[in-house]
C-alpha atoms as a PDB file:
ATOM      1  CA  UNK A   1       0.002   0.024   0.009  1.00  0.00           C
ATOM      2  CA  UNK A   2       1.452   3.372  -0.982  1.00  0.00           C
ATOM      3  CA  UNK A   3       2.489   5.677   1.821  1.00  0.00           C
ATOM      4  CA  UNK A   4       0.950   8.593  -0.040  1.00  0.00           C
ATOM      5  CA  UNK A   5      -2.550   7.342   0.794  1.00  0.00           C
ATOM      6  CA  UNK A   6      -4.316   9.120   3.644  1.00  0.00           C
ATOM      7  CA  UNK A   7      -5.664   7.210   6.623  1.00  0.00           C
ATOM      8  CA  UNK A   8      -8.630   7.894   8.901  1.00  0.00           C
ATOM      9  CA  UNK A   9      -8.003   7.988  12.615  1.00  0.00           C
ATOM     10  CA  UNK A  10      -9.604   4.532  12.861  1.00  0.00           C
ATOM     11  CA  UNK A  11      -7.121   3.006  10.398  1.00  0.00           C
ATOM     12  CA  UNK A  12      -5.292   0.868  13.034  1.00  0.00           C
ATOM     13  CA  UNK A  13      -8.627  -0.326  14.465  1.00  0.00           C
ATOM     14  CA  UNK A  14      -9.640  -1.491  10.991  1.00  0.00           C
ATOM     15  CA  UNK A  15      -6.347  -3.331  10.533  1.00  0.00           C
ATOM     16  CA  UNK A  16      -6.462  -4.879  14.046  1.00  0.00           C
ATOM     17  CA  UNK A  17     -10.009  -6.172  13.340  1.00  0.00           C
ATOM     18  CA  UNK A  18      -9.250  -7.839  10.012  1.00  0.00           C
ATOM     19  CA  UNK A  19     -10.144  -5.033   7.675  1.00  0.00           C
ATOM     20  CA  UNK A  20      -8.793  -5.632   4.139  1.00  0.00           C
ATOM     21  CA  UNK A  21      -7.441  -2.211   3.261  1.00  0.00           C
ATOM     22  CA  UNK A  22      -7.617  -0.897  -0.312  1.00  0.00           C
ATOM     23  CA  UNK A  23      -6.995   2.414  -1.998  1.00  0.00           C
ATOM     24  CA  UNK A  24     -10.142   4.515  -2.377  1.00  0.00           C
ATOM     25  CA  UNK A  25     -10.220   8.147  -3.492  1.00  0.00           C
ATOM     26  CA  UNK A  26      -6.731   8.807  -2.093  1.00  0.00           C
ATOM     27  CA  UNK A  27      -7.504   7.021   1.221  1.00  0.00           C
ATOM     28  CA  UNK A  28      -6.612   3.602   2.588  1.00  0.00           C
ATOM     29  CA  UNK A  29     -10.048   2.234   3.469  1.00  0.00           C
ATOM     30  CA  UNK A  30     -11.430  -1.179   4.568  1.00  0.00           C
ATOM     31  CA  UNK A  31     -13.298  -2.843   1.736  1.00  0.00           C
ATOM     32  CA  UNK A  32     -14.386  -5.789   3.914  1.00  0.00           C
ATOM     33  CA  UNK A  33     -13.691  -7.723   7.101  1.00  0.00           C
ATOM     34  CA  UNK A  34     -13.153 -11.486   7.713  1.00  0.00           C
ATOM     35  CA  UNK A  35     -16.930 -12.239   7.583  1.00  0.00           C
ATOM     36  CA  UNK A  36     -17.063 -10.937   3.977  1.00  0.00           C
ATOM     37  CA  UNK A  37     -19.118  -8.236   2.281  1.00  0.00           C
ATOM     38  CA  UNK A  38     -22.244 -10.313   1.843  1.00  0.00           C
ATOM     39  CA  UNK A  39     -22.535 -11.084   5.529  1.00  0.00           C
ATOM     40  CA  UNK A  40     -21.718  -7.485   6.433  1.00  0.00           C
ATOM     41  CA  UNK A  41     -24.502  -6.361   4.087  1.00  0.00           C
ATOM     42  CA  UNK A  42     -27.054  -8.773   5.671  1.00  0.00           C
ATOM     43  CA  UNK A  43     -26.076  -7.812   9.213  1.00  0.00           C
ATOM     44  CA  UNK A  44     -26.590  -4.108   8.366  1.00  0.00           C
ATOM     45  CA  UNK A  45     -29.929  -4.797   6.669  1.00  0.00           C
ATOM     46  CA  UNK A  46     -31.168  -6.966   9.579  1.00  0.00           C
ATOM     47  CA  UNK A  47     -29.598  -5.188  12.486  1.00  0.00           C
ATOM     48  CA  UNK A  48     -27.009  -2.389  12.464  1.00  0.00           C
ATOM     49  CA  UNK A  49     -23.674  -1.558  10.861  1.00  0.00           C
ATOM     50  CA  UNK A  50     -21.159   1.183  11.712  1.00  0.00           C
ATOM     51  CA  UNK A  51     -19.169   2.705   8.836  1.00  0.00           C
ATOM     52  CA  UNK A  52     -16.088   4.917   8.939  1.00  0.00           C
ATOM     53  CA  UNK A  53     -16.914   7.659   6.444  1.00  0.00           C
ATOM     54  CA  UNK A  54     -14.397  10.203   7.642  1.00  0.00           C
ATOM     55  CA  UNK A  55     -12.667  10.111   4.264  1.00  0.00           C
ATOM     56  CA  UNK A  56     -15.521  12.271   2.980  1.00  0.00           C
ATOM     57  CA  UNK A  57     -14.908  16.024   2.804  1.00  0.00           C
ATOM     58  CA  UNK A  58     -16.571  18.373   5.266  1.00  0.00           C
ATOM     59  CA  UNK A  59     -16.998  22.076   4.543  1.00  0.00           C
ATOM     60  CA  UNK A  60     -18.612  24.703   6.814  1.00  0.00           C
ATOM     61  CA  UNK A  61     -20.175  27.948   5.562  1.00  0.00           C
ATOM     62  CA  UNK A  62     -20.818  30.832   7.911  1.00  0.00           C
ATOM     63  CA  UNK A  63     -21.623  34.504   7.581  1.00  0.00           C
ATOM     64  CA  UNK A  64     -24.558  36.752   6.768  1.00  0.00           C
ATOM     65  CA  UNK A  65     -24.817  35.500   3.172  1.00  0.00           C
ATOM     66  CA  UNK A  66     -24.046  31.806   3.793  1.00  0.00           C
ATOM     67  CA  UNK A  67     -27.568  30.634   3.135  1.00  0.00           C
ATOM     68  CA  UNK A  68     -28.040  32.797   0.036  1.00  0.00           C
ATOM     69  CA  UNK A  69     -24.616  31.773  -1.300  1.00  0.00           C
ATOM     70  CA  UNK A  70     -25.102  28.029  -0.756  1.00  0.00           C
ATOM     71  CA  UNK A  71     -28.607  28.215  -2.155  1.00  0.00           C
ATOM     72  CA  UNK A  72     -27.161  29.579  -5.438  1.00  0.00           C
ATOM     73  CA  UNK A  73     -24.853  26.595  -5.710  1.00  0.00           C
ATOM     74  CA  UNK A  74     -27.236  23.640  -5.236  1.00  0.00           C
ATOM     75  CA  UNK A  75     -30.430  22.237  -6.769  1.00  0.00           C
ATOM     76  CA  UNK A  76     -32.366  22.014  -3.501  1.00  0.00           C
ATOM     77  CA  UNK A  77     -34.005  25.181  -2.109  1.00  0.00           C
ATOM     78  CA  UNK A  78     -32.186  25.254   1.232  1.00  0.00           C
ATOM     79  CA  UNK A  79     -34.252  28.233   2.421  1.00  0.00           C
ATOM     80  CA  UNK A  80     -36.965  25.578   3.033  1.00  0.00           C
ATOM     81  CA  UNK A  81     -34.767  23.624   5.452  1.00  0.00           C
ATOM     82  CA  UNK A  82     -35.559  23.877   9.129  1.00  0.00           C
ATOM     83  CA  UNK A  83     -32.771  24.188  11.677  1.00  0.00           C
ATOM     84  CA  UNK A  84     -31.113  20.758  12.257  1.00  0.00           C
ATOM     85  CA  UNK A  85     -32.520  19.439   8.971  1.00  0.00           C
ATOM     86  CA  UNK A  86     -30.304  17.674   6.456  1.00  0.00           C
ATOM     87  CA  UNK A  87     -30.899  17.197   2.720  1.00  0.00           C
ATOM     88  CA  UNK A  88     -29.251  15.594  -0.286  1.00  0.00           C
ATOM     89  CA  UNK A  89     -28.586  17.953  -3.252  1.00  0.00           C
ATOM     90  CA  UNK A  90     -26.559  18.404  -6.399  1.00  0.00           C
ATOM     91  CA  UNK A  91     -24.006  21.180  -6.639  1.00  0.00           C
ATOM     92  CA  UNK A  92     -24.095  22.304 -10.306  1.00  0.00           C
ATOM     93  CA  UNK A  93     -22.085  24.310 -12.760  1.00  0.00           C
ATOM     94  CA  UNK A  94     -23.733  27.320 -14.369  1.00  0.00           C
ATOM     95  CA  UNK A  95     -24.124  25.209 -17.512  1.00  0.00           C
ATOM     96  CA  UNK A  96     -26.046  22.543 -15.677  1.00  0.00           C
ATOM     97  CA  UNK A  97     -23.382  19.884 -15.289  1.00  0.00           C
ATOM     98  CA  UNK A  98     -22.820  18.366 -11.837  1.00  0.00           C
ATOM     99  CA  UNK A  99     -19.920  19.535  -9.643  1.00  0.00           C
ATOM    100  CA  UNK A 100     -20.712  16.946  -6.995  1.00  0.00           C
ATOM    101  CA  UNK A 101     -23.569  15.380  -5.050  1.00  0.00           C
ATOM    102  CA  UNK A 102     -23.555  16.624  -1.471  1.00  0.00           C
ATOM    103  CA  UNK A 103     -25.329  16.375   1.860  1.00  0.00           C
ATOM    104  CA  UNK A 104     -26.221  19.711   3.426  1.00  0.00           C
ATOM    105  CA  UNK A 105     -26.952  20.232   7.171  1.00  0.00           C
ATOM    106  CA  UNK A 106     -28.602  23.381   8.512  1.00  0.00           C
ATOM    107  CA  UNK A 107     -26.977  23.805  11.913  1.00  0.00           C
ATOM    108  CA  UNK A 108     -27.674  26.660  14.312  1.00  0.00           C
ATOM    109  CA  UNK A 109     -24.376  28.487  13.670  1.00  0.00           C
ATOM    110  CA  UNK A 110     -23.403  27.269  10.189  1.00  0.00           C
ATOM    111  CA  UNK A 111     -24.256  25.327   7.097  1.00  0.00           C
ATOM    112  CA  UNK A 112     -22.333  22.038   6.930  1.00  0.00           C
ATOM    113  CA  UNK A 113     -21.692  20.381   3.552  1.00  0.00           C
ATOM    114  CA  UNK A 114     -20.424  16.816   3.119  1.00  0.00           C
ATOM    115  CA  UNK A 115     -18.758  16.182  -0.233  1.00  0.00           C
ATOM    116  CA  UNK A 116     -17.288  13.089  -1.853  1.00  0.00           C
ATOM    117  CA  UNK A 117     -13.720  12.243  -0.787  1.00  0.00           C
ATOM    118  CA  UNK A 118     -12.071  12.630  -4.179  1.00  0.00           C
ATOM    119  CA  UNK A 119     -13.874  15.912  -4.843  1.00  0.00           C
ATOM    120  CA  UNK A 120     -13.010  17.850  -1.673  1.00  0.00           C
ATOM    121  CA  UNK A 121     -10.297  20.088  -3.195  1.00  0.00           C
ATOM    122  CA  UNK A 122     -12.303  20.633  -6.391  1.00  0.00           C
ATOM    123  CA  UNK A 123     -15.520  21.429  -4.538  1.00  0.00           C
ATOM    124  CA  UNK A 124     -13.806  23.717  -2.024  1.00  0.00           C
ATOM    125  CA  UNK A 125     -11.996  25.604  -4.835  1.00  0.00           C
ATOM    126  CA  UNK A 126     -15.258  25.865  -6.828  1.00  0.00           C
ATOM    127  CA  UNK A 127     -17.036  27.340  -3.831  1.00  0.00           C
ATOM    128  CA  UNK A 128     -14.222  29.803  -3.166  1.00  0.00           C
ATOM    129  CA  UNK A 129     -14.213  30.882  -6.820  1.00  0.00           C
ATOM    130  CA  UNK A 130     -17.917  31.774  -6.569  1.00  0.00           C
ATOM    131  CA  UNK A 131     -17.847  33.555  -3.195  1.00  0.00           C
ATOM    132  CA  UNK A 132     -17.113  37.063  -4.518  1.00  0.00           C
ATOM    133  CA  UNK A 133     -19.845  39.466  -3.490  1.00  0.00           C
ATOM    134  CA  UNK A 134     -21.084  37.305  -0.636  1.00  0.00           C
ATOM    135  CA  UNK A 135     -20.359  37.766   3.044  1.00  0.00           C
ATOM    136  CA  UNK A 136     -19.497  34.130   3.561  1.00  0.00           C
ATOM    137  CA  UNK A 137     -16.634  32.226   5.198  1.00  0.00           C
ATOM    138  CA  UNK A 138     -15.940  28.857   3.598  1.00  0.00           C
ATOM    139  CA  UNK A 139     -13.755  26.474   5.611  1.00  0.00           C
ATOM    140  CA  UNK A 140     -12.569  22.948   5.046  1.00  0.00           C
ATOM    141  CA  UNK A 141     -13.214  21.426   8.501  1.00  0.00           C
ATOM    142  CA  UNK A 142     -12.423  17.807   7.515  1.00  0.00           C
ATOM    143  CA  UNK A 143      -9.487  17.539   9.934  1.00  0.00           C
ATOM    144  CA  UNK A 144     -11.526  19.146  12.788  1.00  0.00           C
ATOM    145  CA  UNK A 145     -14.445  16.702  12.597  1.00  0.00           C
ATOM    146  CA  UNK A 146     -15.038  12.977  12.393  1.00  0.00           C
ATOM    147  CA  UNK A 147     -17.790  11.196  10.533  1.00  0.00           C
ATOM    148  CA  UNK A 148     -19.315   7.792  11.188  1.00  0.00           C
ATOM    149  CA  UNK A 149     -22.467   6.380   9.667  1.00  0.00           C
ATOM    150  CA  UNK A 150     -24.675   4.127  11.817  1.00  0.00           C
ATOM    151  CA  UNK A 151     -27.117   2.302   9.511  1.00  0.00           C
ATOM    152  CA  UNK A 152     -29.782  -0.375   9.794  1.00  0.00           C
ATOM    153  CA  UNK A 153     -33.145  -1.017  11.448  1.00  0.00           C
ATOM    154  CA  UNK A 154     -31.633  -1.175  14.949  1.00  0.00           C
ATOM    155  CA  UNK A 155     -29.489   1.983  14.621  1.00  0.00           C
ATOM    156  CA  UNK A 156     -31.947   4.161  16.598  1.00  0.00           C
ATOM    157  CA  UNK A 157     -32.160   1.577  19.368  1.00  0.00           C
ATOM    158  CA  UNK A 158     -28.411   1.474  19.700  1.00  0.00           C
ATOM    159  CA  UNK A 159     -27.833   5.187  19.418  1.00  0.00           C
ATOM    160  CA  UNK A 160     -30.672   6.084  21.840  1.00  0.00           C
ATOM    161  CA  UNK A 161     -28.388   5.056  24.732  1.00  0.00           C
ATOM    162  CA  UNK A 162     -26.138   7.998  23.961  1.00  0.00           C
ATOM    163  CA  UNK A 163     -28.630  10.890  23.931  1.00  0.00           C
ATOM    164  CA  UNK A 164     -31.631  12.110  25.906  1.00  0.00           C
ATOM    165  CA  UNK A 165     -33.338  13.155  22.677  1.00  0.00           C
ATOM    166  CA  UNK A 166     -36.116  10.758  21.580  1.00  0.00           C
ATOM    167  CA  UNK A 167     -34.588   9.541  18.311  1.00  0.00           C
ATOM    168  CA  UNK A 168     -37.728   7.496  17.313  1.00  0.00           C
ATOM    169  CA  UNK A 169     -39.663  10.742  17.075  1.00  0.00           C
ATOM    170  CA  UNK A 170     -37.151  12.543  14.866  1.00  0.00           C
ATOM    171  CA  UNK A 171     -38.007  12.679  11.184  1.00  0.00           C
ATOM    172  CA  UNK A 172     -35.588  11.369   8.600  1.00  0.00           C
ATOM    173  CA  UNK A 173     -32.819  13.693   7.550  1.00  0.00           C
ATOM    174  CA  UNK A 174     -32.603  15.405  10.969  1.00  0.00           C
ATOM    175  CA  UNK A 175     -29.204  16.363  12.411  1.00  0.00           C
ATOM    176  CA  UNK A 176     -28.584  16.120  16.137  1.00  0.00           C
END
């Protein structure tokens, strides 16, 4: 494995637990564990699976024009998003082509955008190139945050032990 590949902070855990590491979008990521991908798929569909997705890029937008700026870049009308709501959207070029597909979170003090791992630099640069005339601060916060995805029908049951919020009552695409 090339030393030029980046590693998430859980890299050693993956190796210690039998993760077969492969190159993916400039990162060394586990493609499967000893049980194999089919069993991992079934466990997640029947119960719960935890995925290290920290290789994905994370960008925050703040400032008086952050909402107006971001709304100009994506296909979803983010002005309709309530606080703590999340939504999938496409970030598009002026000509209609797709820059990237992203997940947008409306947090109390910022907009948080998750981009694909191999597109982080391109997406960040594209946002910066279109920020003129807007009072917006765009920051790559990928090294300051960590992302995990808990998926499956028992995810809420497992996660409920970590928060007083009633997760069963939260609608889909809600940030906490």
